[in-house]
Amino acid sequence: MRLRPEHTPPEAAAMAPWGQMFCRLNAQGAGIILWHLEAYVHMENRSRFELRKRKPGGNAAQREADAGTAQHQEIATPSEESLETLMEFVSSQDSPWALSPDCSPEDQHLRELAVQSPQLIRDNFIFLFFRSLRIVDKGVNEVDENLLKFHNLEELILSANQISKINSAHLPRTLKVLELCGNEIVGLQDLCSHPPPELQHLGLGYNRLLGSSEDKYLTAEFWPNLLSLDLSFNNFTDLMGIVSKLATLWRLRTLVLQGNPLVLIPGYRGFVIDSLPKLCILDDRNISPDEKHQFHGLSSKPDLIVNKAQLVVSVGKIKGIPNPIKLEELESSPESPVISHSYYVTYEFVEREKAEDTNNAEVMKFHQSQMVATPNPGSPPGSADTGGSESPAMSSLHKQEPPANRANRHLTPRKPWAETIECSHRKEHVTGDLVALKAFLMAGTTVTVVEEKVLSWPIAAALAEDGGKKGKADKGKAEEKPKDGGKGNKQKKKKESPVELRSDPPLLRSLGSGRVNLESLLTGDQLVAVVCDFGVLVTEETTQPPSPKEKDGKKSKDKNKKTKTGGENPASQKTTVAAKDLNALCKGKGKNKESPEGKEVQEIQPVPLTVEFQVQLIQWTATFDAQHQ
């Protein structure tokens, strides 16, 4: 078994060959300390152990002299620890030689043997002693033939390493558990060349197995005694193909397929349960008798199994958006624009989906048509969005959060402002690209609340300004020759009554955006329901230069203030108070700031911006669902 050079402990170079072997296999600092401790015991207690090895012989005087020498050495060596002290060193959790809490009982037992009987710690003993080896996240990239020296090895755990292929000829024939989770294995051909015949558990989760090309190695021909199989989080997509191979494993009782694209098929769990009747646990969930009864007969109807996934996205209530209506907008003049606000939610979904089901083109067309606007007469040339292309505002909004894994952006219908905006949006998505859907679910989707602000300008006012000059020239003629006895004026008034508006391109602003984790849909959950909390919105007052008419209005107001002398009359005071109350109402405050009740209103915590969002994975609960889909 080979490690990368940077993972090899520096102490291993000074050890005996068997010490290096153990260090590599154990791959933790406790193994190194074990050998240091064993050497320490040899050095400190060498005289005692050497005396134990001597065979009784010679005359009595010589034996008494040897015993006296030993007693003298024990008394004369104050630094020598007793056996009880050494055992405390290796067993106490506070000792610097203590093993990690997750070590196996074999490690602790071997540590104690090194103290009690160090003469046993030899190559053959080590190779025969271990029945389980656990080497996790140590950079192992190859398993060599030295592993065959462990004649009694039954469990080998090599999780979270860098193994791309493993030669089964280097595995002990006594293995019963082989765990290779979290490596880089792409194929099973080398592993199945000489597989251990007694293997009962095979863990291949979180690797890079590619489904149909590897199905043929998951049969009883290679694993006749397999009881448990973990294939989680690979890329198996052919449900019927893999189930037909697994059906040959007549001893199989535990199966893990979660995290594979095929688990997104609506009939996945029911088809597996009915096809493998001896199975007891599927995806870490016990199979109940009721579940077997509900899916009875589904395996005999393979035509109902289609490699497509169906998900339903729902968007509920939006809360926490401040009232966008301002007092100056209520008091706008006829020449001022009409401002409208609307709100909607966008989310992402995998790109390759069924077009006729999702109406993806209709969504984008609808989105773009709302941004096609007619410029007002006073706007500069080229400011309007023409030809149905995406507006610069929407382009910048999309660039701000690029879709992950080539996902399409969908949006809910636009809604006007309210304290609680009811989106009531529900959309069904169907896709046959299960691999892309798995990647999308693992990455999650981005949910965004968007505010759309549209300025609409009255066309009649602009035309009146353009026709003012012509009206002065023809003023005399119009006064001298009135036609139809003044009826024409009435007709003009009737025609001028509906005000025609022209809208600017919409101004888009992202109020809040966040990522929603959808990975649990790959591990057995059928519903992800969250309330996205984007925090409290801070309203930003945008200062715009006043128009010439607004400047004239301010000047006239200033003159009126200067000409006023003395206090205001009661009627004007009432009008001022009414205006203040209107201002308070527009800002969402119904009480005076100076009143005690008004202070209570100010103490109310602001409502954070939230939106209800959920994604449901459609799964059959019985054979009846498959027949009536």
Foldseek 3Di string as FASTA:
>chain_A
DDADVVLQDPVLVVDDPLLVVCCVQQSDPLSVVLVVLLVVLCVQCVLVVVVVPDDDDDDPVVVVVSVVVVVCVVVVDPPRDDLVVLLCLAPDPPHPSDDDPPDDVLSSVSSNCSSVPVVQPDNLCVLASDQETADEQRQDAAQDQVQQSNQNHAYYAYEQYAHQDYAQVSHHLNYAYYAHHNYAHAACPRCQPQDNANHAEYHHHPYAHAAPVHLQSQACVRHQRYAEYEHAQYAHQDQVSNLVRNLRNLNHAYYEHFNYLNLQWQARVLLSCQSNVNHQYYLNHGQDPVLVVQSHPVVVCCVLTDLKWKKKKWWWKKAQDFQPDAPCQVVDDLQFWNKFKWKKKKKWAQDAWDCVQQVLVVQLQVVLVLQQFDDAPPDDPPQGDPDSDDDPQVVVVCVVPPWPLRIDMGMFDIDGDDNMDTRRDMGMIMHNPSVSRSVDLQQFMKMWMKMKMKTKGFRVVVVCVVCVVVCVVCVVVCVVDPPPVCVVVVVVCVVVVDTDITIGGIRMDTQFMDGDRRNVVSSDDFKDKDKDFRFHGDDDDDDDDDDPVVVVVVVVVVVVVVPDDDDDDPVVVVVVVVSVCVRCVSRVHNDDCPDPVNVVVVPDDRDTTIMIIMMGINHDSGVVVSVVD
